[in-house]
Amino acid sequence: MSTSPQYVVDASIAIKWVIEEIGSIEALVILKRGGLLAPELIVSECANILWKKWRRDELSKDEALMAARLLEQAEMELVPSRTLLAASAALAIEINHPAYDCLYLALAIERGAKFITADDRLIRKLAQQKSSQLAQLAIPLQR
């Protein structure tokens, strides 16, 4: 296990490592920092994002496949989502937010890590929480 601080990242961060978007530079700094974790769900989420970008003609087939191959090589510990099922369901109910996003939150809580995301909707949702732990759990990619 890494001795560097641990950060949970979601697909909104990982996709910026391979597709130039607003926040890509900041996301690459996070990647180079190391100590990254994600539930294995990130794999299917990233694949789905690449498919959507291809479908909207934002990427060619070759670009989407190259981005997928690059993501396969990203230095990040993938944690089985199954181990986070109960905790993510509880969080989803508590904050009234989709459970798949809550998998990342559950992992951050379990590992005592910060969660970095570019998902503004989730950041806003967490900021509205009465629990200071939840309100401070996520770090927006761009402040």
Protein backbone atom coordinates (compact mmCIF):
# COMPACT_ATOMS: atom_id res chain seq x y z
CA MET A 1 0.00 0.00 0.00
CA SER A 2 1.21 3.53 -0.78
CA THR A 3 2.63 5.68 2.00
CA SER A 4 1.54 8.87 0.23
CA PRO A 5 -1.80 10.43 1.16
CA GLN A 6 -4.70 8.61 -0.40
CA TYR A 7 -7.27 10.29 -2.61
CA VAL A 8 -10.39 8.73 -4.06
CA VAL A 9 -11.05 9.90 -7.62
CA ASP A 10 -14.08 9.37 -9.80
CA ALA A 11 -14.58 9.07 -13.54
CA SER A 12 -15.00 12.85 -13.87
CA ILE A 13 -11.33 13.13 -12.86
CA ALA A 14 -9.94 10.04 -14.62
CA ILE A 15 -11.40 10.95 -18.00
CA LYS A 16 -9.53 14.27 -17.86
CA TRP A 17 -6.24 12.33 -17.77
CA VAL A 18 -6.82 11.13 -21.34
CA ILE A 19 -9.21 13.68 -22.89
CA GLU A 20 -8.32 17.35 -22.94
CA GLU A 21 -11.08 19.20 -21.11
CA ILE A 22 -11.41 22.03 -18.63
CA GLY A 23 -9.57 20.80 -15.56
CA SER A 24 -7.29 18.35 -17.37
CA ILE A 25 -4.12 20.03 -16.11
CA GLU A 26 -5.33 19.87 -12.50
CA ALA A 27 -6.42 16.25 -12.96
CA LEU A 28 -2.99 15.29 -14.31
CA VAL A 29 -1.34 16.89 -11.27
CA ILE A 30 -3.51 14.66 -9.08
CA LEU A 31 -2.50 11.61 -11.11
CA LYS A 32 1.21 12.42 -10.72
CA ARG A 33 0.73 12.94 -6.97
CA GLY A 34 -0.15 9.25 -6.61
CA GLY A 35 -1.91 7.40 -3.83
CA LEU A 36 -5.12 7.15 -5.87
CA LEU A 37 -8.04 4.84 -5.16
CA ALA A 38 -11.36 4.18 -6.84
CA PRO A 39 -14.09 1.59 -6.69
CA GLU A 40 -13.84 -0.71 -9.70
CA LEU A 41 -17.02 0.95 -10.97
CA ILE A 42 -14.73 3.65 -12.40
CA VAL A 43 -13.75 1.26 -15.21
CA SER A 44 -17.28 0.94 -16.59
CA GLU A 45 -18.03 4.63 -16.00
CA CYS A 46 -14.97 5.68 -18.00
CA ALA A 47 -15.80 3.25 -20.80
CA ASN A 48 -19.31 4.67 -20.92
CA ILE A 49 -18.02 8.26 -21.05
CA LEU A 50 -15.72 7.36 -23.96
CA TRP A 51 -18.62 5.69 -25.78
CA LYS A 52 -20.80 8.80 -25.26
CA LYS A 53 -18.03 11.07 -26.55
CA TRP A 54 -17.68 8.84 -29.63
CA ARG A 55 -21.44 8.81 -30.15
CA ARG A 56 -21.58 12.64 -29.99
CA ASP A 57 -18.69 12.83 -32.49
CA GLU A 58 -16.40 14.37 -29.86
CA LEU A 59 -13.92 11.51 -30.36
CA SER A 60 -13.12 9.21 -33.25
CA LYS A 61 -13.23 5.47 -32.65
CA ASP A 62 -9.41 5.35 -32.59
CA GLU A 63 -9.22 8.23 -30.10
CA ALA A 64 -11.76 6.59 -27.80
CA LEU A 65 -9.92 3.26 -27.90
CA MET A 66 -6.54 4.92 -27.29
CA ALA A 67 -8.01 6.80 -24.32
CA ALA A 68 -9.33 3.49 -22.95
CA ARG A 69 -5.91 1.85 -23.28
CA LEU A 70 -4.28 4.79 -21.49
CA LEU A 71 -6.81 4.58 -18.66
CA GLU A 72 -6.07 0.87 -18.28
CA GLN A 73 -2.51 1.84 -17.39
CA ALA A 74 -3.37 4.57 -14.86
CA GLU A 75 -1.69 4.16 -11.47
CA MET A 76 -4.66 3.67 -9.20
CA GLU A 77 -5.80 1.03 -6.74
CA LEU A 78 -9.16 -0.42 -7.77
CA VAL A 79 -11.31 -1.57 -4.86
CA PRO A 80 -14.10 -4.14 -5.38
CA SER A 81 -17.41 -2.27 -5.41
CA ARG A 82 -19.12 -5.18 -3.69
CA THR A 83 -17.32 -4.36 -0.43
CA LEU A 84 -18.87 -0.88 -0.50
CA LEU A 85 -22.45 -1.90 -1.32
CA ALA A 86 -24.11 -1.43 2.09
CA ALA A 87 -22.23 1.77 2.89
CA SER A 88 -22.99 3.32 -0.51
CA ALA A 89 -26.68 2.41 -0.25
CA ALA A 90 -26.85 4.00 3.20
CA LEU A 91 -25.15 7.16 1.92
CA ALA A 92 -27.43 7.32 -1.12
CA ILE A 93 -30.47 7.20 1.14
CA GLU A 94 -28.98 9.71 3.60
CA ILE A 95 -28.13 12.35 1.00
CA ASN A 96 -30.75 11.40 -1.62
CA HIS A 97 -28.20 10.97 -4.39
CA PRO A 98 -27.46 8.15 -6.88
CA ALA A 99 -25.78 5.18 -5.22
CA TYR A 100 -23.08 4.79 -7.87
CA ASP A 101 -21.64 8.19 -6.91
CA CYS A 102 -21.91 7.18 -3.27
CA LEU A 103 -19.56 4.24 -3.88
CA TYR A 104 -16.74 6.81 -4.15
CA LEU A 105 -17.88 8.51 -0.95
CA ALA A 106 -18.09 5.20 0.89
CA LEU A 107 -14.55 4.32 -0.18
CA ALA A 108 -13.24 7.70 0.96
CA ILE A 109 -14.87 7.24 4.37
CA GLU A 110 -13.63 3.65 4.68
CA ARG A 111 -10.03 4.59 3.87
CA GLY A 112 -9.97 7.97 5.62
CA ALA A 113 -9.18 9.58 2.27
CA LYS A 114 -10.32 12.76 0.58
CA PHE A 115 -12.57 12.44 -2.46
CA ILE A 116 -11.69 14.58 -5.49
CA THR A 117 -14.35 15.14 -8.13
CA ALA A 118 -15.32 17.46 -10.94
CA ASP A 119 -19.00 16.61 -10.39
CA ASP A 120 -20.41 20.00 -9.36
CA ARG A 121 -23.85 18.55 -8.64
CA LEU A 122 -22.40 16.13 -6.09
CA ILE A 123 -20.23 18.85 -4.53
CA ARG A 124 -23.32 21.05 -4.08
CA LYS A 125 -25.29 18.13 -2.64
CA LEU A 126 -22.57 17.40 -0.08
CA ALA A 127 -22.21 21.07 0.87
CA GLN A 128 -25.91 21.05 1.86
CA GLN A 129 -25.46 18.19 4.32
CA LYS A 130 -25.85 18.71 8.07
CA SER A 131 -23.03 16.25 8.73
CA SER A 132 -19.77 18.19 8.66
CA GLN A 133 -17.94 14.96 7.78
CA LEU A 134 -19.96 14.61 4.58
CA ALA A 135 -19.86 18.32 3.79
CA GLN A 136 -16.05 18.31 3.97
CA LEU A 137 -15.45 14.92 2.37
CA ALA A 138 -15.23 16.04 -1.26
CA ILE A 139 -12.71 18.39 -2.79
CA PRO A 140 -13.77 20.06 -6.02
CA LEU A 141 -11.23 19.72 -8.82
CA GLN A 142 -11.32 23.43 -9.46
CA ARG A 143 -11.86 25.77 -6.54
